[in-house]
């Protein structure tokens, strides 16, 4: 018994469907899939992120730190072989303050 192929317009004639009909069916499926993908992608951005989280991510990104828990930071630091947390100050270290020895005052107190 020959199977009947369902055609784009719902017709169930015997035999295989034509190439143009097959392309049309494939195109319709691709359009429907594309619409689902776009809808899913838009749903990702419906919820807003917490401002504190956004600030933390920005700060870590700009300074080259790893955001996250202390355990996660230590794991990343071990993998990278360098510190993965904030360093008190970047760039050239400040000059040490030289404290002059107390000289005896010529004036009596």
PDB file of N, CA and C in Angstrom:
ATOM      1  N   UNK A   1       0.828  -1.167   0.000  1.00  0.00           N
ATOM      2  CA  UNK A   1       0.000   0.000   0.000  1.00  0.00           C
ATOM      3  C   UNK A   1       0.878   1.238   0.000  1.00  0.00           C
ATOM      4  N   UNK A   2       0.625   2.138  -0.913  1.00  0.00           N
ATOM      5  CA  UNK A   2       1.413   3.356  -1.024  1.00  0.00           C
ATOM      6  C   UNK A   2       0.947   4.357   0.025  1.00  0.00           C
ATOM      7  N   UNK A   3       1.961   5.044   0.608  1.00  0.00           N
ATOM      8  CA  UNK A   3       1.591   6.067   1.596  1.00  0.00           C
ATOM      9  C   UNK A   3       1.254   7.366   0.869  1.00  0.00           C
ATOM     10  N   UNK A   4       0.405   8.117   1.464  1.00  0.00           N
ATOM     11  CA  UNK A   4       0.024   9.397   0.870  1.00  0.00           C
ATOM     12  C   UNK A   4       0.795  10.511   1.561  1.00  0.00           C
ATOM     13  N   UNK A   5       1.392  11.369   0.793  1.00  0.00           N
ATOM     14  CA  UNK A   5       2.135  12.492   1.340  1.00  0.00           C
ATOM     15  C   UNK A   5       1.197  13.665   1.533  1.00  0.00           C
ATOM     16  N   UNK A   6       1.306  14.288   2.648  1.00  0.00           N
ATOM     17  CA  UNK A   6       0.474  15.469   2.897  1.00  0.00           C
ATOM     18  C   UNK A   6       1.123  16.657   2.201  1.00  0.00           C
ATOM     19  N   UNK A   7       0.343  17.363   1.445  1.00  0.00           N
ATOM     20  CA  UNK A   7       0.867  18.492   0.695  1.00  0.00           C
ATOM     21  C   UNK A   7       0.620  19.785   1.442  1.00  0.00           C
ATOM     22  N   UNK A   8       1.260  20.827   0.964  1.00  0.00           N
ATOM     23  CA  UNK A   8       1.184  22.136   1.612  1.00  0.00           C
ATOM     24  C   UNK A   8      -0.251  22.630   1.747  1.00  0.00           C
ATOM     25  N   UNK A   9      -1.028  22.455   0.743  1.00  0.00           N
ATOM     26  CA  UNK A   9      -2.400  22.965   0.753  1.00  0.00           C
ATOM     27  C   UNK A   9      -3.381  21.972   1.381  1.00  0.00           C
ATOM     28  N   UNK A  10      -2.868  20.871   1.947  1.00  0.00           N
ATOM     29  CA  UNK A  10      -3.736  19.899   2.578  1.00  0.00           C
ATOM     30  C   UNK A  10      -4.187  18.800   1.632  1.00  0.00           C
ATOM     31  N   UNK A  11      -3.826  18.882   0.380  1.00  0.00           N
ATOM     32  CA  UNK A  11      -4.219  17.874  -0.610  1.00  0.00           C
ATOM     33  C   UNK A  11      -3.472  16.574  -0.320  1.00  0.00           C
ATOM     34  N   UNK A  12      -4.117  15.449  -0.432  1.00  0.00           N
ATOM     35  CA  UNK A  12      -3.498  14.160  -0.147  1.00  0.00           C
ATOM     36  C   UNK A  12      -3.461  13.286  -1.394  1.00  0.00           C
ATOM     37  N   UNK A  13      -2.963  13.820  -2.473  1.00  0.00           N
ATOM     38  CA  UNK A  13      -2.856  13.026  -3.689  1.00  0.00           C
ATOM     39  C   UNK A  13      -1.782  11.965  -3.530  1.00  0.00           C
ATOM     40  N   UNK A  14      -1.878  10.915  -4.342  1.00  0.00           N
ATOM     41  CA  UNK A  14      -0.885   9.860  -4.309  1.00  0.00           C
ATOM     42  C   UNK A  14       0.418  10.355  -4.917  1.00  0.00           C
ATOM     43  N   UNK A  15       1.522   9.738  -4.453  1.00  0.00           N
ATOM     44  CA  UNK A  15       2.805  10.038  -5.049  1.00  0.00           C
ATOM     45  C   UNK A  15       3.565  11.098  -4.275  1.00  0.00           C
ATOM     46  N   UNK A  16       4.839  11.228  -4.648  1.00  0.00           N
ATOM     47  CA  UNK A  16       5.677  12.202  -3.945  1.00  0.00           C
ATOM     48  C   UNK A  16       5.275  13.637  -4.311  1.00  0.00           C
ATOM     49  N   UNK A  17       5.638  14.563  -3.437  1.00  0.00           N
ATOM     50  CA  UNK A  17       5.311  15.956  -3.728  1.00  0.00           C
ATOM     51  C   UNK A  17       6.387  16.542  -4.636  1.00  0.00           C
ATOM     52  N   UNK A  18       6.062  17.583  -5.336  1.00  0.00           N
ATOM     53  CA  UNK A  18       7.019  18.182  -6.264  1.00  0.00           C
ATOM     54  C   UNK A  18       8.116  18.901  -5.485  1.00  0.00           C
ATOM     55  N   UNK A  19       9.213  19.188  -6.188  1.00  0.00           N
ATOM     56  CA  UNK A  19      10.333  19.895  -5.560  1.00  0.00           C
ATOM     57  C   UNK A  19       9.918  21.281  -5.100  1.00  0.00           C
ATOM     58  N   UNK A  20       9.139  21.973  -5.896  1.00  0.00           N
ATOM     59  CA  UNK A  20       8.724  23.328  -5.509  1.00  0.00           C
ATOM     60  C   UNK A  20       7.820  23.288  -4.282  1.00  0.00           C
ATOM     61  N   UNK A  21       6.962  22.271  -4.205  1.00  0.00           N
ATOM     62  CA  UNK A  21       6.104  22.128  -3.029  1.00  0.00           C
ATOM     63  C   UNK A  21       6.944  21.780  -1.800  1.00  0.00           C
ATOM     64  N   UNK A  22       7.948  20.940  -1.989  1.00  0.00           N
ATOM     65  CA  UNK A  22       8.832  20.567  -0.883  1.00  0.00           C
ATOM     66  C   UNK A  22       9.594  21.789  -0.378  1.00  0.00           C
ATOM     67  N   UNK A  23      10.072  22.635  -1.316  1.00  0.00           N
ATOM     68  CA  UNK A  23      10.774  23.874  -0.919  1.00  0.00           C
ATOM     69  C   UNK A  23       9.848  24.796  -0.137  1.00  0.00           C
ATOM     70  N   UNK A  24       8.608  24.893  -0.595  1.00  0.00           N
ATOM     71  CA  UNK A  24       7.642  25.752   0.083  1.00  0.00           C
ATOM     72  C   UNK A  24       7.362  25.252   1.499  1.00  0.00           C
ATOM     73  N   UNK A  25       7.246  23.949   1.657  1.00  0.00           N
ATOM     74  CA  UNK A  25       7.017  23.374   2.988  1.00  0.00           C
ATOM     75  C   UNK A  25       8.231  23.633   3.880  1.00  0.00           C
ATOM     76  N   UNK A  26       9.420  23.440   3.343  1.00  0.00           N
ATOM     77  CA  UNK A  26      10.641  23.674   4.109  1.00  0.00           C
ATOM     78  C   UNK A  26      10.763  25.144   4.499  1.00  0.00           C
ATOM     79  N   UNK A  27      10.412  26.037   3.572  1.00  0.00           N
ATOM     80  CA  UNK A  27      10.488  27.470   3.860  1.00  0.00           C
ATOM     81  C   UNK A  27       9.504  27.851   4.963  1.00  0.00           C
ATOM     82  N   UNK A  28       8.295  27.308   4.888  1.00  0.00           N
ATOM     83  CA  UNK A  28       7.305  27.582   5.935  1.00  0.00           C
ATOM     84  C   UNK A  28       7.806  27.103   7.294  1.00  0.00           C
ATOM     85  N   UNK A  29       8.421  25.929   7.332  1.00  0.00           N
ATOM     86  CA  UNK A  29       8.944  25.390   8.591  1.00  0.00           C
ATOM     87  C   UNK A  29      10.064  26.281   9.123  1.00  0.00           C
ATOM     88  N   UNK A  30      10.919  26.765   8.222  1.00  0.00           N
ATOM     89  CA  UNK A  30      12.015  27.634   8.640  1.00  0.00           C
ATOM     90  C   UNK A  30      11.492  28.961   9.173  1.00  0.00           C
ATOM     91  N   UNK A  31      10.476  29.499   8.560  1.00  0.00           N
ATOM     92  CA  UNK A  31       9.884  30.754   9.021  1.00  0.00           C
ATOM     93  C   UNK A  31       9.274  30.562  10.402  1.00  0.00           C
ATOM     94  N   UNK A  32       8.575  29.458  10.593  1.00  0.00           N
ATOM     95  CA  UNK A  32       7.967  29.193  11.906  1.00  0.00           C
ATOM     96  C   UNK A  32       9.041  29.017  12.970  1.00  0.00           C
ATOM     97  N   UNK A  33      10.108  28.289  12.627  1.00  0.00           N
ATOM     98  CA  UNK A  33      11.199  28.085  13.579  1.00  0.00           C
ATOM     99  C   UNK A  33      11.873  29.410  13.899  1.00  0.00           C
ATOM    100  N   UNK A  34      12.091  30.248  12.880  1.00  0.00           N
ATOM    101  CA  UNK A  34      12.705  31.554  13.092  1.00  0.00           C
ATOM    102  C   UNK A  34      11.873  32.415  14.028  1.00  0.00           C
ATOM    103  N   UNK A  35      10.559  32.355  13.872  1.00  0.00           N
ATOM    104  CA  UNK A  35       9.677  33.123  14.751  1.00  0.00           C
ATOM    105  C   UNK A  35       9.787  32.632  16.187  1.00  0.00           C
ATOM    106  N   UNK A  36       9.881  31.311  16.368  1.00  0.00           N
ATOM    107  CA  UNK A  36      10.034  30.764  17.724  1.00  0.00           C
ATOM    108  C   UNK A  36      11.364  31.183  18.333  1.00  0.00           C
ATOM    109  N   UNK A  37      12.414  31.152  17.538  1.00  0.00           N
ATOM    110  CA  UNK A  37      13.740  31.537  18.027  1.00  0.00           C
ATOM    111  C   UNK A  37      13.740  33.009  18.439  1.00  0.00           C
ATOM    112  N   UNK A  38      13.173  33.877  17.603  1.00  0.00           N
ATOM    113  CA  UNK A  38      13.118  35.310  17.935  1.00  0.00           C
ATOM    114  C   UNK A  38      12.324  35.551  19.205  1.00  0.00           C
ATOM    115  N   UNK A  39      11.214  34.849  19.346  1.00  0.00           N
ATOM    116  CA  UNK A  39      10.379  35.001  20.542  1.00  0.00           C
ATOM    117  C   UNK A  39      11.150  34.560  21.786  1.00  0.00           C
ATOM    118  N   UNK A  40      11.855  33.451  21.701  1.00  0.00           N
ATOM    119  CA  UNK A  40      12.642  32.962  22.828  1.00  0.00           C
ATOM    120  C   UNK A  40      13.773  33.926  23.176  1.00  0.00           C
ATOM    121  N   UNK A  41      14.432  34.468  22.157  1.00  0.00           N
ATOM    122  CA  UNK A  41      15.534  35.404  22.379  1.00  0.00           C
ATOM    123  C   UNK A  41      15.035  36.679  23.051  1.00  0.00           C
ATOM    124  N   UNK A  42      13.907  37.193  22.620  1.00  0.00           N
ATOM    125  CA  UNK A  42      13.338  38.394  23.237  1.00  0.00           C
ATOM    126  C   UNK A  42      12.948  38.142  24.684  1.00  0.00           C
ATOM    127  N   UNK A  43      12.489  36.926  24.979  1.00  0.00           N
ATOM    128  CA  UNK A  43      12.089  36.588  26.352  1.00  0.00           C
ATOM    129  C   UNK A  43      13.274  36.651  27.306  1.00  0.00           C
ATOM    130  N   UNK A  44      14.486  36.449  26.803  1.00  0.00           N
ATOM    131  CA  UNK A  44      15.675  36.537  27.649  1.00  0.00           C
ATOM    132  C   UNK A  44      15.846  37.930  28.254  1.00  0.00           C
ATOM    133  N   UNK A  45      15.374  38.948  27.567  1.00  0.00           N
ATOM    134  CA  UNK A  45      15.611  40.319  27.989  1.00  0.00           C
ATOM    135  C   UNK A  45      14.397  40.985  28.617  1.00  0.00           C
ATOM    136  N   UNK A  46      13.349  40.226  28.879  1.00  0.00           N
ATOM    137  CA  UNK A  46      12.155  40.811  29.482  1.00  0.00           C
ATOM    138  C   UNK A  46      12.398  41.210  30.931  1.00  0.00           C
ATOM    139  N   UNK A  47      13.136  40.388  31.682  1.00  0.00           N
ATOM    140  CA  UNK A  47      13.416  40.698  33.076  1.00  0.00           C
ATOM    141  C   UNK A  47      14.643  41.597  33.166  1.00  0.00           C
ATOM    142  N   UNK A  48      14.551  42.590  34.030  1.00  0.00           N
ATOM    143  CA  UNK A  48      15.671  43.501  34.227  1.00  0.00           C
ATOM    144  C   UNK A  48      16.602  42.938  35.291  1.00  0.00           C
ATOM    145  N   UNK A  49      17.886  43.188  35.142  1.00  0.00           N
ATOM    146  CA  UNK A  49      18.857  42.747  36.132  1.00  0.00           C
ATOM    147  C   UNK A  49      18.913  43.755  37.274  1.00  0.00           C
ATOM    148  N   UNK A  50      19.247  43.277  38.448  1.00  0.00           N
ATOM    149  CA  UNK A  50      19.395  44.120  39.617  1.00  0.00           C
ATOM    150  C   UNK A  50      20.545  45.112  39.380  1.00  0.00           C
ATOM    151  N   UNK A  51      20.343  46.367  39.749  1.00  0.00           N
ATOM    152  CA  UNK A  51      21.353  47.402  39.509  1.00  0.00           C
ATOM    153  C   UNK A  51      22.662  47.087  40.226  1.00  0.00           C
ATOM    154  N   UNK A  52      22.572  46.490  41.416  1.00  0.00           N
ATOM    155  CA  UNK A  52      23.779  46.137  42.160  1.00  0.00           C
ATOM    156  C   UNK A  52      24.578  45.071  41.419  1.00  0.00           C
ATOM    157  N   UNK A  53      23.889  44.104  40.836  1.00  0.00           N
ATOM    158  CA  UNK A  53      24.548  43.059  40.057  1.00  0.00           C
ATOM    159  C   UNK A  53      25.215  43.643  38.823  1.00  0.00           C
ATOM    160  N   UNK A  54      24.519  44.530  38.141  1.00  0.00           N
ATOM    161  CA  UNK A  54      25.083  45.169  36.947  1.00  0.00           C
ATOM    162  C   UNK A  54      26.329  45.967  37.315  1.00  0.00           C
ATOM    163  N   UNK A  55      26.265  46.713  38.418  1.00  0.00           N
ATOM    164  CA  UNK A  55      27.425  47.502  38.861  1.00  0.00           C
ATOM    165  C   UNK A  55      28.600  46.592  39.206  1.00  0.00           C
ATOM    166  N   UNK A  56      28.320  45.470  39.848  1.00  0.00           N
ATOM    167  CA  UNK A  56      29.376  44.521  40.198  1.00  0.00           C
ATOM    168  C   UNK A  56      30.034  43.939  38.949  1.00  0.00           C
ATOM    169  N   UNK A  57      29.225  43.586  37.963  1.00  0.00           N
ATOM    170  CA  UNK A  57      29.767  43.025  36.709  1.00  0.00           C
ATOM    171  C   UNK A  57      30.595  44.066  35.970  1.00  0.00           C
ATOM    172  N   UNK A  58      30.105  45.302  35.906  1.00  0.00           N
ATOM    173  CA  UNK A  58      30.856  46.370  35.238  1.00  0.00           C
ATOM    174  C   UNK A  58      32.190  46.609  35.920  1.00  0.00           C
ATOM    175  N   UNK A  59      32.158  46.706  37.245  1.00  0.00           N
ATOM    176  CA  UNK A  59      33.375  46.965  38.007  1.00  0.00           C
ATOM    177  C   UNK A  59      34.390  45.852  37.791  1.00  0.00           C
ATOM    178  N   UNK A  60      33.947  44.603  37.874  1.00  0.00           N
ATOM    179  CA  UNK A  60      34.852  43.477  37.683  1.00  0.00           C
ATOM    180  C   UNK A  60      35.405  43.445  36.262  1.00  0.00           C
ATOM    181  N   UNK A  61      34.572  43.761  35.290  1.00  0.00           N
ATOM    182  CA  UNK A  61      35.010  43.738  33.892  1.00  0.00           C
ATOM    183  C   UNK A  61      36.045  44.821  33.624  1.00  0.00           C
ATOM    184  N   UNK A  62      35.808  46.013  34.117  1.00  0.00           N
ATOM    185  CA  UNK A  62      36.725  47.126  33.870  1.00  0.00           C
ATOM    186  C   UNK A  62      38.069  46.933  34.560  1.00  0.00           C
ATOM    187  N   UNK A  63      38.075  46.251  35.687  1.00  0.00           N
ATOM    188  CA  UNK A  63      39.311  46.104  36.449  1.00  0.00           C
ATOM    189  C   UNK A  63      39.975  44.742  36.286  1.00  0.00           C
ATOM    190  N   UNK A  64      39.348  43.851  35.542  1.00  0.00           N
ATOM    191  CA  UNK A  64      39.953  42.545  35.316  1.00  0.00           C
ATOM    192  C   UNK A  64      39.808  41.607  36.498  1.00  0.00           C
ATOM    193  N   UNK A  65      38.795  41.777  37.322  1.00  0.00           N
ATOM    194  CA  UNK A  65      38.552  40.919  38.464  1.00  0.00           C
ATOM    195  C   UNK A  65      37.566  39.830  38.086  1.00  0.00           C
ATOM    196  N   UNK A  66      37.397  38.900  38.998  1.00  0.00           N
ATOM    197  CA  UNK A  66      36.424  37.827  38.799  1.00  0.00           C
ATOM    198  C   UNK A  66      35.254  38.070  39.748  1.00  0.00           C
ATOM    199  N   UNK A  67      34.056  38.290  39.216  1.00  0.00           N
ATOM    200  CA  UNK A  67      32.909  38.436  40.120  1.00  0.00           C
ATOM    201  C   UNK A  67      32.431  37.062  40.588  1.00  0.00           C
ATOM    202  N   UNK A  68      31.863  37.012  41.759  1.00  0.00           N
ATOM    203  CA  UNK A  68      31.331  35.753  42.259  1.00  0.00           C
ATOM    204  C   UNK A  68      31.701  35.528  43.704  1.00  0.00           C
ATOM    205  N   UNK A  69      31.446  34.326  44.164  1.00  0.00           N
ATOM    206  CA  UNK A  69      31.710  33.986  45.561  1.00  0.00           C
ATOM    207  C   UNK A  69      33.211  33.835  45.791  1.00  0.00           C
ATOM    208  N   UNK A  70      33.589  33.816  47.059  1.00  0.00           N
ATOM    209  CA  UNK A  70      35.001  33.674  47.408  1.00  0.00           C
ATOM    210  C   UNK A  70      35.549  32.332  46.932  1.00  0.00           C
ATOM    211  N   UNK A  71      34.740  31.279  47.017  1.00  0.00           N
ATOM    212  CA  UNK A  71      35.163  29.958  46.556  1.00  0.00           C
ATOM    213  C   UNK A  71      35.421  29.975  45.047  1.00  0.00           C
ATOM    214  N   UNK A  72      34.502  30.593  44.284  1.00  0.00           N
ATOM    215  CA  UNK A  72      34.663  30.671  42.832  1.00  0.00           C
ATOM    216  C   UNK A  72      35.912  31.469  42.474  1.00  0.00           C
ATOM    217  N   UNK A  73      36.123  32.585  43.168  1.00  0.00           N
ATOM    218  CA  UNK A  73      37.313  33.415  42.908  1.00  0.00           C
ATOM    219  C   UNK A  73      38.596  32.630  43.156  1.00  0.00           C
ATOM    220  N   UNK A  74      38.642  31.865  44.261  1.00  0.00           N
ATOM    221  CA  UNK A  74      39.854  31.105  44.556  1.00  0.00           C
ATOM    222  C   UNK A  74      40.087  30.013  43.513  1.00  0.00           C
ATOM    223  N   UNK A  75      39.026  29.395  43.012  1.00  0.00           N
ATOM    224  CA  UNK A  75      39.180  28.381  41.961  1.00  0.00           C
ATOM    225  C   UNK A  75      39.734  29.005  40.683  1.00  0.00           C
ATOM    226  N   UNK A  76      39.202  30.170  40.304  1.00  0.00           N
ATOM    227  CA  UNK A  76      39.689  30.844  39.100  1.00  0.00           C
ATOM    228  C   UNK A  76      41.127  31.299  39.286  1.00  0.00           C
ATOM    229  N   UNK A  77      41.442  31.818  40.477  1.00  0.00           N
ATOM    230  CA  UNK A  77      42.813  32.257  40.757  1.00  0.00           C
ATOM    231  C   UNK A  77      43.784  31.092  40.640  1.00  0.00           C
ATOM    232  N   UNK A  78      43.388  29.925  41.137  1.00  0.00           N
ATOM    233  CA  UNK A  78      44.249  28.744  41.037  1.00  0.00           C
ATOM    234  C   UNK A  78      44.442  28.324  39.589  1.00  0.00           C
ATOM    235  N   UNK A  79      43.386  28.389  38.792  1.00  0.00           N
ATOM    236  CA  UNK A  79      43.485  28.004  37.381  1.00  0.00           C
ATOM    237  C   UNK A  79      44.349  28.985  36.593  1.00  0.00           C
ATOM    238  N   UNK A  80      44.212  30.289  36.888  1.00  0.00           N
ATOM    239  CA  UNK A  80      44.949  31.303  36.144  1.00  0.00           C
ATOM    240  C   UNK A  80      46.372  31.503  36.657  1.00  0.00           C
ATOM    241  N   UNK A  81      46.588  31.140  37.911  1.00  0.00           N
ATOM    242  CA  UNK A  81      47.907  31.354  38.491  1.00  0.00           C
ATOM    243  C   UNK A  81      48.150  32.805  38.856  1.00  0.00           C
ATOM    244  N   UNK A  82      47.104  33.551  39.103  1.00  0.00           N
ATOM    245  CA  UNK A  82      47.231  34.958  39.507  1.00  0.00           C
ATOM    246  C   UNK A  82      46.034  35.320  40.366  1.00  0.00           C
ATOM    247  N   UNK A  83      46.141  36.475  41.006  1.00  0.00           N
ATOM    248  CA  UNK A  83      45.036  36.920  41.834  1.00  0.00           C
ATOM    249  C   UNK A  83      43.826  37.222  40.958  1.00  0.00           C
ATOM    250  N   UNK A  84      42.669  36.875  41.468  1.00  0.00           N
ATOM    251  CA  UNK A  84      41.442  37.109  40.703  1.00  0.00           C
ATOM    252  C   UNK A  84      40.510  38.047  41.461  1.00  0.00           C
ATOM    253  N   UNK A  85      41.071  38.765  42.422  1.00  0.00           N
ATOM    254  CA  UNK A  85      40.280  39.693  43.218  1.00  0.00           C
ATOM    255  C   UNK A  85      40.866  41.087  43.111  1.00  0.00           C
ATOM    256  N   UNK A  86      40.158  42.027  43.691  1.00  0.00           N
ATOM    257  CA  UNK A  86      40.598  43.409  43.595  1.00  0.00           C
ATOM    258  C   UNK A  86      41.932  43.633  44.303  1.00  0.00           C
ATOM    259  N   UNK A  87      42.758  44.409  43.676  1.00  0.00           N
ATOM    260  CA  UNK A  87      44.033  44.827  44.222  1.00  0.00           C
ATOM    261  C   UNK A  87      43.800  46.240  44.755  1.00  0.00           C
ATOM    262  N   UNK A  88      44.326  46.558  45.910  1.00  0.00           N
ATOM    263  CA  UNK A  88      44.020  47.876  46.469  1.00  0.00           C
ATOM    264  C   UNK A  88      44.274  49.040  45.521  1.00  0.00           C
ATOM    265  N   UNK A  89      45.365  49.001  44.795  1.00  0.00           N
ATOM    266  CA  UNK A  89      45.666  50.110  43.899  1.00  0.00           C
ATOM    267  C   UNK A  89      46.421  49.595  42.696  1.00  0.00           C
ATOM    268  N   UNK A  90      46.041  50.075  41.519  1.00  0.00           N
ATOM    269  CA  UNK A  90      46.732  49.673  40.301  1.00  0.00           C
ATOM    270  C   UNK A  90      47.734  50.734  39.908  1.00  0.00           C
ATOM    271  N   UNK A  91      48.696  50.333  39.117  1.00  0.00           N
ATOM    272  CA  UNK A  91      49.667  51.291  38.594  1.00  0.00           C
ATOM    273  C   UNK A  91      50.905  51.375  39.463  1.00  0.00           C
ATOM    274  N   UNK A  92      51.598  52.478  39.321  1.00  0.00           N
ATOM    275  CA  UNK A  92      52.851  52.690  40.028  1.00  0.00           C
ATOM    276  C   UNK A  92      52.587  52.844  41.523  1.00  0.00           C
ATOM    277  N   UNK A  93      53.375  52.144  42.341  1.00  0.00           N
ATOM    278  CA  UNK A  93      53.152  52.282  43.779  1.00  0.00           C
ATOM    279  C   UNK A  93      53.545  53.671  44.268  1.00  0.00           C
ATOM    280  N   UNK A  94      52.885  54.164  45.290  1.00  0.00           N
ATOM    281  CA  UNK A  94      53.226  55.493  45.794  1.00  0.00           C
ATOM    282  C   UNK A  94      54.595  55.485  46.478  1.00  0.00           C
ATOM    283  N   UNK A  95      55.249  56.632  46.471  1.00  0.00           N
ATOM    284  CA  UNK A  95      56.542  56.753  47.146  1.00  0.00           C
ATOM    285  C   UNK A  95      56.325  56.638  48.650  1.00  0.00           C
ATOM    286  N   UNK A  96      57.240  55.953  49.315  1.00  0.00           N
ATOM    287  CA  UNK A  96      57.079  55.850  50.766  1.00  0.00           C
ATOM    288  C   UNK A  96      57.332  57.208  51.421  1.00  0.00           C
ATOM    289  N   UNK A  97      56.594  57.470  52.466  1.00  0.00           N
ATOM    290  CA  UNK A  97      56.789  58.726  53.182  1.00  0.00           C
ATOM    291  C   UNK A  97      58.008  58.579  54.075  1.00  0.00           C
ATOM    292  N   UNK A  98      58.916  59.525  53.930  1.00  0.00           N
ATOM    293  CA  UNK A  98      60.128  59.510  54.744  1.00  0.00           C
ATOM    294  C   UNK A  98      59.873  60.412  55.947  1.00  0.00           C
ATOM    295  N   UNK A  99      60.024  59.838  57.104  1.00  0.00           N
ATOM    296  CA  UNK A  99      59.826  60.602  58.322  1.00  0.00           C
ATOM    297  C   UNK A  99      61.203  60.983  58.841  1.00  0.00           C
ATOM    298  N   UNK A 100      61.408  62.284  58.952  1.00  0.00           N
ATOM    299  CA  UNK A 100      62.698  62.777  59.414  1.00  0.00           C
ATOM    300  C   UNK A 100      62.831  62.511  60.906  1.00  0.00           C
ATOM    301  N   UNK A 101      64.042  62.160  61.319  1.00  0.00           N
ATOM    302  CA  UNK A 101      64.234  61.949  62.752  1.00  0.00           C
ATOM    303  C   UNK A 101      63.979  63.255  63.497  1.00  0.00           C
ATOM    304  N   UNK A 102      63.448  63.109  64.691  1.00  0.00           N
ATOM    305  CA  UNK A 102      63.147  64.323  65.443  1.00  0.00           C
ATOM    306  C   UNK A 102      64.445  64.976  65.883  1.00  0.00           C
ATOM    307  N   UNK A 103      64.596  66.181  65.461  1.00  0.00           N
ATOM    308  CA  UNK A 103      65.778  66.961  65.863  1.00  0.00           C
ATOM    309  C   UNK A 103      65.473  67.651  67.181  1.00  0.00           C
ATOM    310  N   UNK A 104      66.532  67.834  67.957  1.00  0.00           N
ATOM    311  CA  UNK A 104      66.308  68.519  69.213  1.00  0.00           C
ATOM    312  C   UNK A 104      65.968  69.958  68.929  1.00  0.00           C
ATOM    313  N   UNK A 105      64.940  70.407  69.574  1.00  0.00           N
ATOM    314  CA  UNK A 105      64.480  71.766  69.360  1.00  0.00           C
ATOM    315  C   UNK A 105      65.368  72.747  70.118  1.00  0.00           C
ATOM    316  N   UNK A 106      65.827  73.804  69.422  1.00  0.00           N
ATOM    317  CA  UNK A 106      66.684  74.782  70.107  1.00  0.00           C
ATOM    318  C   UNK A 106      65.888  75.611  71.119  1.00  0.00           C
ATOM    319  N   UNK A 107      64.614  75.670  70.979  1.00  0.00           N
ATOM    320  CA  UNK A 107      63.785  76.456  71.875  1.00  0.00           C
ATOM    321  C   UNK A 107      63.269  75.578  73.016  1.00  0.00           C
ATOM    322  N   UNK A 108      63.296  76.085  74.226  1.00  0.00           N
ATOM    323  CA  UNK A 108      62.747  75.284  75.323  1.00  0.00           C
ATOM    324  C   UNK A 108      61.218  75.260  75.246  1.00  0.00           C
ATOM    325  N   UNK A 109      60.648  74.220  75.637  1.00  0.00           N
ATOM    326  CA  UNK A 109      59.201  74.094  75.631  1.00  0.00           C
ATOM    327  C   UNK A 109      58.617  74.517  76.905  1.00  0.00           C
TER     328      UNK A 109
END
